[in-house]
């Protein structure tokens, strides 16, 4: 599961975040809960919660079976 998540982050999510000056790091995957760290412009962005839940979590749940939630750490 962790490899599948990393692939989706690299292939789909990271390019979008980098286009806006941000980045993402996979921290941990445990029991379907994915912990990530937003970096760069995404770290302090007031829309980061929306990006996390409506963007990153939605894509990961759609592309990787078993993903239940995405948390920012």
PDB file of N, CA and C in Angstrom:
ATOM      1  N   UNK A   1       0.824  -1.200   0.000  1.00  0.00           N
ATOM      2  CA  UNK A   1       0.000   0.000   0.000  1.00  0.00           C
ATOM      3  C   UNK A   1       0.863   1.256   0.000  1.00  0.00           C
ATOM      4  N   UNK A   2       1.929   1.267   0.800  1.00  0.00           N
ATOM      5  CA  UNK A   2       2.786   2.448   0.883  1.00  0.00           C
ATOM      6  C   UNK A   2       3.404   2.779  -0.477  1.00  0.00           C
ATOM      7  N   UNK A   3       3.815   1.754  -1.220  1.00  0.00           N
ATOM      8  CA  UNK A   3       4.394   1.983  -2.547  1.00  0.00           C
ATOM      9  C   UNK A   3       3.359   2.574  -3.503  1.00  0.00           C
ATOM     10  N   UNK A   4       2.125   2.085  -3.424  1.00  0.00           N
ATOM     11  CA  UNK A   4       1.051   2.619  -4.273  1.00  0.00           C
ATOM     12  C   UNK A   4       0.767   4.079  -3.945  1.00  0.00           C
ATOM     13  N   UNK A   5       0.762   4.398  -2.665  1.00  0.00           N
ATOM     14  CA  UNK A   5       0.534   5.781  -2.231  1.00  0.00           C
ATOM     15  C   UNK A   5       1.657   6.671  -2.724  1.00  0.00           C
ATOM     16  N   UNK A   6       2.900   6.213  -2.562  1.00  0.00           N
ATOM     17  CA  UNK A   6       4.053   7.005  -3.003  1.00  0.00           C
ATOM     18  C   UNK A   6       3.987   7.258  -4.508  1.00  0.00           C
ATOM     19  N   UNK A   7       3.569   6.258  -5.267  1.00  0.00           N
ATOM     20  CA  UNK A   7       3.462   6.416  -6.722  1.00  0.00           C
ATOM     21  C   UNK A   7       2.419   7.470  -7.090  1.00  0.00           C
ATOM     22  N   UNK A   8       1.275   7.443  -6.432  1.00  0.00           N
ATOM     23  CA  UNK A   8       0.229   8.440  -6.706  1.00  0.00           C
ATOM     24  C   UNK A   8       0.716   9.833  -6.316  1.00  0.00           C
ATOM     25  N   UNK A   9       1.402   9.927  -5.193  1.00  0.00           N
ATOM     26  CA  UNK A   9       1.935  11.229  -4.790  1.00  0.00           C
ATOM     27  C   UNK A   9       2.914  11.758  -5.828  1.00  0.00           C
ATOM     28  N   UNK A  10       3.814  10.905  -6.293  1.00  0.00           N
ATOM     29  CA  UNK A  10       4.838  11.313  -7.260  1.00  0.00           C
ATOM     30  C   UNK A  10       4.242  11.661  -8.621  1.00  0.00           C
ATOM     31  N   UNK A  11       3.321  10.841  -9.078  1.00  0.00           N
ATOM     32  CA  UNK A  11       2.816  10.948 -10.440  1.00  0.00           C
ATOM     33  C   UNK A  11       1.705  11.985 -10.592  1.00  0.00           C
ATOM     34  N   UNK A  12       0.839  12.104  -9.588  1.00  0.00           N
ATOM     35  CA  UNK A  12      -0.344  12.963  -9.730  1.00  0.00           C
ATOM     36  C   UNK A  12      -0.290  14.204  -8.845  1.00  0.00           C
ATOM     37  N   UNK A  13      -0.042  14.008  -7.564  1.00  0.00           N
ATOM     38  CA  UNK A  13      -0.209  15.109  -6.602  1.00  0.00           C
ATOM     39  C   UNK A  13       0.992  16.054  -6.563  1.00  0.00           C
ATOM     40  N   UNK A  14       2.202  15.523  -6.488  1.00  0.00           N
ATOM     41  CA  UNK A  14       3.389  16.372  -6.370  1.00  0.00           C
ATOM     42  C   UNK A  14       3.508  17.386  -7.508  1.00  0.00           C
ATOM     43  N   UNK A  15       3.327  17.004  -8.764  1.00  0.00           N
ATOM     44  CA  UNK A  15       3.453  18.007  -9.837  1.00  0.00           C
ATOM     45  C   UNK A  15       2.491  19.180  -9.676  1.00  0.00           C
ATOM     46  N   UNK A  16       1.285  18.915  -9.205  1.00  0.00           N
ATOM     47  CA  UNK A  16       0.312  19.988  -9.006  1.00  0.00           C
ATOM     48  C   UNK A  16       0.767  20.927  -7.892  1.00  0.00           C
ATOM     49  N   UNK A  17       1.229  20.353  -6.780  1.00  0.00           N
ATOM     50  CA  UNK A  17       1.690  21.176  -5.670  1.00  0.00           C
ATOM     51  C   UNK A  17       2.940  21.964  -6.041  1.00  0.00           C
ATOM     52  N   UNK A  18       3.863  21.331  -6.756  1.00  0.00           N
ATOM     53  CA  UNK A  18       5.094  22.012  -7.145  1.00  0.00           C
ATOM     54  C   UNK A  18       4.826  23.169  -8.106  1.00  0.00           C
ATOM     55  N   UNK A  19       3.794  23.058  -8.914  1.00  0.00           N
ATOM     56  CA  UNK A  19       3.437  24.147  -9.830  1.00  0.00           C
ATOM     57  C   UNK A  19       3.055  25.416  -9.068  1.00  0.00           C
ATOM     58  N   UNK A  20       2.608  25.250  -7.815  1.00  0.00           N
ATOM     59  CA  UNK A  20       2.239  26.398  -6.980  1.00  0.00           C
ATOM     60  C   UNK A  20       3.295  26.709  -5.929  1.00  0.00           C
ATOM     61  N   UNK A  21       4.483  26.118  -6.046  1.00  0.00           N
ATOM     62  CA  UNK A  21       5.571  26.407  -5.112  1.00  0.00           C
ATOM     63  C   UNK A  21       5.572  25.554  -3.866  1.00  0.00           C
ATOM     64  N   UNK A  22       4.786  24.492  -3.847  1.00  0.00           N
ATOM     65  CA  UNK A  22       4.734  23.617  -2.676  1.00  0.00           C
ATOM     66  C   UNK A  22       5.311  22.251  -2.959  1.00  0.00           C
ATOM     67  N   UNK A  23       5.188  21.379  -1.994  1.00  0.00           N
ATOM     68  CA  UNK A  23       5.647  19.998  -2.142  1.00  0.00           C
ATOM     69  C   UNK A  23       4.975  19.157  -1.068  1.00  0.00           C
ATOM     70  N   UNK A  24       5.203  17.845  -1.136  1.00  0.00           N
ATOM     71  CA  UNK A  24       4.583  16.919  -0.195  1.00  0.00           C
ATOM     72  C   UNK A  24       5.565  15.815   0.138  1.00  0.00           C
ATOM     73  N   UNK A  25       5.503  15.346   1.369  1.00  0.00           N
ATOM     74  CA  UNK A  25       6.353  14.246   1.830  1.00  0.00           C
ATOM     75  C   UNK A  25       5.468  13.211   2.516  1.00  0.00           C
ATOM     76  N   UNK A  26       5.630  11.951   2.145  1.00  0.00           N
ATOM     77  CA  UNK A  26       4.922  10.859   2.808  1.00  0.00           C
ATOM     78  C   UNK A  26       5.670  10.538   4.089  1.00  0.00           C
ATOM     79  N   UNK A  27       4.989  10.618   5.224  1.00  0.00           N
ATOM     80  CA  UNK A  27       5.604  10.386   6.521  1.00  0.00           C
ATOM     81  C   UNK A  27       5.344   8.965   7.012  1.00  0.00           C
ATOM     82  N   UNK A  28       4.079   8.515   6.930  1.00  0.00           N
ATOM     83  CA  UNK A  28       3.731   7.214   7.482  1.00  0.00           C
ATOM     84  C   UNK A  28       2.405   6.732   6.900  1.00  0.00           C
ATOM     85  N   UNK A  29       2.251   5.415   6.870  1.00  0.00           N
ATOM     86  CA  UNK A  29       0.983   4.794   6.509  1.00  0.00           C
ATOM     87  C   UNK A  29       0.712   3.716   7.541  1.00  0.00           C
ATOM     88  N   UNK A  30      -0.439   3.808   8.216  1.00  0.00           N
ATOM     89  CA  UNK A  30      -0.778   2.819   9.238  1.00  0.00           C
ATOM     90  C   UNK A  30      -2.289   2.632   9.283  1.00  0.00           C
ATOM     91  N   UNK A  31      -2.723   1.408   9.084  1.00  0.00           N
ATOM     92  CA  UNK A  31      -4.145   1.054   9.162  1.00  0.00           C
ATOM     93  C   UNK A  31      -5.026   1.930   8.273  1.00  0.00           C
ATOM     94  N   UNK A  32      -4.544   2.247   7.077  1.00  0.00           N
ATOM     95  CA  UNK A  32      -5.321   3.045   6.141  1.00  0.00           C
ATOM     96  C   UNK A  32      -5.257   4.540   6.363  1.00  0.00           C
ATOM     97  N   UNK A  33      -4.521   4.965   7.382  1.00  0.00           N
ATOM     98  CA  UNK A  33      -4.352   6.396   7.663  1.00  0.00           C
ATOM     99  C   UNK A  33      -2.992   6.829   7.129  1.00  0.00           C
ATOM    100  N   UNK A  34      -3.008   7.792   6.236  1.00  0.00           N
ATOM    101  CA  UNK A  34      -1.804   8.282   5.581  1.00  0.00           C
ATOM    102  C   UNK A  34      -1.402   9.602   6.233  1.00  0.00           C
ATOM    103  N   UNK A  35      -0.172   9.661   6.726  1.00  0.00           N
ATOM    104  CA  UNK A  35       0.359  10.895   7.307  1.00  0.00           C
ATOM    105  C   UNK A  35       1.302  11.529   6.291  1.00  0.00           C
ATOM    106  N   UNK A  36       1.054  12.797   5.992  1.00  0.00           N
ATOM    107  CA  UNK A  36       1.883  13.515   5.033  1.00  0.00           C
ATOM    108  C   UNK A  36       2.352  14.827   5.657  1.00  0.00           C
ATOM    109  N   UNK A  37       3.368  15.401   5.040  1.00  0.00           N
ATOM    110  CA  UNK A  37       3.856  16.715   5.462  1.00  0.00           C
ATOM    111  C   UNK A  37       3.831  17.621   4.232  1.00  0.00           C
ATOM    112  N   UNK A  38       3.106  18.716   4.326  1.00  0.00           N
ATOM    113  CA  UNK A  38       3.101  19.707   3.260  1.00  0.00           C
ATOM    114  C   UNK A  38       4.302  20.621   3.445  1.00  0.00           C
ATOM    115  N   UNK A  39       4.931  20.999   2.338  1.00  0.00           N
ATOM    116  CA  UNK A  39       6.154  21.802   2.395  1.00  0.00           C
ATOM    117  C   UNK A  39       6.045  23.005   1.461  1.00  0.00           C
ATOM    118  N   UNK A  40       6.999  23.883   1.580  1.00  0.00           N
ATOM    119  CA  UNK A  40       7.055  25.052   0.706  1.00  0.00           C
ATOM    120  C   UNK A  40       5.847  25.945   0.892  1.00  0.00           C
ATOM    121  N   UNK A  41       5.331  26.441  -0.219  1.00  0.00           N
ATOM    122  CA  UNK A  41       4.187  27.356  -0.176  1.00  0.00           C
ATOM    123  C   UNK A  41       2.947  26.701   0.426  1.00  0.00           C
ATOM    124  N   UNK A  42       2.855  25.380   0.335  1.00  0.00           N
ATOM    125  CA  UNK A  42       1.681  24.667   0.871  1.00  0.00           C
ATOM    126  C   UNK A  42       1.678  24.635   2.401  1.00  0.00           C
ATOM    127  N   UNK A  43       2.848  24.753   3.008  1.00  0.00           N
ATOM    128  CA  UNK A  43       2.965  24.646   4.465  1.00  0.00           C
ATOM    129  C   UNK A  43       2.145  25.707   5.188  1.00  0.00           C
ATOM    130  N   UNK A  44       2.212  26.930   4.735  1.00  0.00           N
ATOM    131  CA  UNK A  44       1.523  28.024   5.422  1.00  0.00           C
ATOM    132  C   UNK A  44       0.295  28.538   4.679  1.00  0.00           C
ATOM    133  N   UNK A  45      -0.074  27.854   3.629  1.00  0.00           N
ATOM    134  CA  UNK A  45      -1.204  28.312   2.815  1.00  0.00           C
ATOM    135  C   UNK A  45      -2.509  28.199   3.598  1.00  0.00           C
ATOM    136  N   UNK A  46      -3.348  29.244   3.581  1.00  0.00           N
ATOM    137  CA  UNK A  46      -4.617  29.179   4.286  1.00  0.00           C
ATOM    138  C   UNK A  46      -5.585  28.151   3.684  1.00  0.00           C
ATOM    139  N   UNK A  47      -5.325  27.708   2.476  1.00  0.00           N
ATOM    140  CA  UNK A  47      -6.178  26.711   1.819  1.00  0.00           C
ATOM    141  C   UNK A  47      -5.632  25.293   1.975  1.00  0.00           C
ATOM    142  N   UNK A  48      -4.617  25.101   2.809  1.00  0.00           N
ATOM    143  CA  UNK A  48      -3.987  23.783   2.921  1.00  0.00           C
ATOM    144  C   UNK A  48      -4.947  22.702   3.425  1.00  0.00           C
ATOM    145  N   UNK A  49      -5.893  23.057   4.274  1.00  0.00           N
ATOM    146  CA  UNK A  49      -6.863  22.075   4.761  1.00  0.00           C
ATOM    147  C   UNK A  49      -7.759  21.602   3.620  1.00  0.00           C
ATOM    148  N   UNK A  50      -8.164  22.512   2.769  1.00  0.00           N
ATOM    149  CA  UNK A  50      -8.979  22.154   1.607  1.00  0.00           C
ATOM    150  C   UNK A  50      -8.157  21.294   0.654  1.00  0.00           C
ATOM    151  N   UNK A  51      -6.916  21.681   0.417  1.00  0.00           N
ATOM    152  CA  UNK A  51      -6.024  20.888  -0.439  1.00  0.00           C
ATOM    153  C   UNK A  51      -5.868  19.489   0.116  1.00  0.00           C
ATOM    154  N   UNK A  52      -5.695  19.388   1.419  1.00  0.00           N
ATOM    155  CA  UNK A  52      -5.495  18.095   2.068  1.00  0.00           C
ATOM    156  C   UNK A  52      -6.715  17.197   1.914  1.00  0.00           C
ATOM    157  N   UNK A  53      -7.876  17.681   2.268  1.00  0.00           N
ATOM    158  CA  UNK A  53      -9.077  16.846   2.308  1.00  0.00           C
ATOM    159  C   UNK A  53      -9.753  16.695   0.942  1.00  0.00           C
ATOM    160  N   UNK A  54      -9.942  17.786   0.240  1.00  0.00           N
ATOM    161  CA  UNK A  54     -10.674  17.731  -1.028  1.00  0.00           C
ATOM    162  C   UNK A  54      -9.776  17.369  -2.213  1.00  0.00           C
ATOM    163  N   UNK A  55      -8.481  17.491  -2.037  1.00  0.00           N
ATOM    164  CA  UNK A  55      -7.549  17.163  -3.114  1.00  0.00           C
ATOM    165  C   UNK A  55      -6.801  15.882  -2.841  1.00  0.00           C
ATOM    166  N   UNK A  56      -5.858  15.943  -1.929  1.00  0.00           N
ATOM    167  CA  UNK A  56      -4.962  14.821  -1.666  1.00  0.00           C
ATOM    168  C   UNK A  56      -5.728  13.601  -1.163  1.00  0.00           C
ATOM    169  N   UNK A  57      -6.552  13.759  -0.147  1.00  0.00           N
ATOM    170  CA  UNK A  57      -7.291  12.616   0.397  1.00  0.00           C
ATOM    171  C   UNK A  57      -8.238  12.027  -0.645  1.00  0.00           C
ATOM    172  N   UNK A  58      -8.933  12.870  -1.368  1.00  0.00           N
ATOM    173  CA  UNK A  58      -9.878  12.388  -2.378  1.00  0.00           C
ATOM    174  C   UNK A  58      -9.164  11.560  -3.446  1.00  0.00           C
ATOM    175  N   UNK A  59      -8.037  12.048  -3.937  1.00  0.00           N
ATOM    176  CA  UNK A  59      -7.294  11.322  -4.974  1.00  0.00           C
ATOM    177  C   UNK A  59      -6.739  10.011  -4.429  1.00  0.00           C
ATOM    178  N   UNK A  60      -6.156  10.044  -3.240  1.00  0.00           N
ATOM    179  CA  UNK A  60      -5.594   8.809  -2.682  1.00  0.00           C
ATOM    180  C   UNK A  60      -6.671   7.766  -2.411  1.00  0.00           C
ATOM    181  N   UNK A  61      -7.812   8.180  -1.898  1.00  0.00           N
ATOM    182  CA  UNK A  61      -8.904   7.226  -1.638  1.00  0.00           C
ATOM    183  C   UNK A  61      -9.427   6.629  -2.942  1.00  0.00           C
ATOM    184  N   UNK A  62      -9.430   7.429  -3.990  1.00  0.00           N
ATOM    185  CA  UNK A  62      -9.897   6.977  -5.299  1.00  0.00           C
ATOM    186  C   UNK A  62      -8.901   6.015  -5.956  1.00  0.00           C
ATOM    187  N   UNK A  63      -7.609   6.291  -5.813  1.00  0.00           N
ATOM    188  CA  UNK A  63      -6.578   5.536  -6.533  1.00  0.00           C
ATOM    189  C   UNK A  63      -5.997   4.355  -5.753  1.00  0.00           C
ATOM    190  N   UNK A  64      -6.055   4.407  -4.424  1.00  0.00           N
ATOM    191  CA  UNK A  64      -5.424   3.357  -3.611  1.00  0.00           C
ATOM    192  C   UNK A  64      -6.466   2.752  -2.669  1.00  0.00           C
ATOM    193  N   UNK A  65      -6.898   1.525  -2.955  1.00  0.00           N
ATOM    194  CA  UNK A  65      -7.856   0.864  -2.071  1.00  0.00           C
ATOM    195  C   UNK A  65      -7.298   0.725  -0.655  1.00  0.00           C
ATOM    196  N   UNK A  66      -8.134   0.996   0.322  1.00  0.00           N
ATOM    197  CA  UNK A  66      -7.718   0.854   1.713  1.00  0.00           C
ATOM    198  C   UNK A  66      -7.344   2.147   2.402  1.00  0.00           C
ATOM    199  N   UNK A  67      -7.161   3.226   1.633  1.00  0.00           N
ATOM    200  CA  UNK A  67      -6.864   4.524   2.251  1.00  0.00           C
ATOM    201  C   UNK A  67      -8.161   5.039   2.875  1.00  0.00           C
ATOM    202  N   UNK A  68      -8.099   5.324   4.166  1.00  0.00           N
ATOM    203  CA  UNK A  68      -9.280   5.793   4.901  1.00  0.00           C
ATOM    204  C   UNK A  68      -9.251   7.297   5.158  1.00  0.00           C
ATOM    205  N   UNK A  69      -8.058   7.797   5.433  1.00  0.00           N
ATOM    206  CA  UNK A  69      -7.929   9.205   5.823  1.00  0.00           C
ATOM    207  C   UNK A  69      -6.516   9.671   5.549  1.00  0.00           C
ATOM    208  N   UNK A  70      -6.368  10.970   5.316  1.00  0.00           N
ATOM    209  CA  UNK A  70      -5.051  11.590   5.153  1.00  0.00           C
ATOM    210  C   UNK A  70      -4.935  12.702   6.178  1.00  0.00           C
ATOM    211  N   UNK A  71      -3.847  12.664   6.936  1.00  0.00           N
ATOM    212  CA  UNK A  71      -3.585  13.662   7.967  1.00  0.00           C
ATOM    213  C   UNK A  71      -2.288  14.403   7.674  1.00  0.00           C
ATOM    214  N   UNK A  72      -2.263  15.673   8.009  1.00  0.00           N
ATOM    215  CA  UNK A  72      -1.047  16.467   7.889  1.00  0.00           C
ATOM    216  C   UNK A  72      -0.350  16.481   9.251  1.00  0.00           C
ATOM    217  N   UNK A  73       0.942  16.184   9.224  1.00  0.00           N
ATOM    218  CA  UNK A  73       1.719  16.155  10.493  1.00  0.00           C
ATOM    219  C   UNK A  73       2.839  17.170  10.439  1.00  0.00           C
TER     220      UNK A  73
END
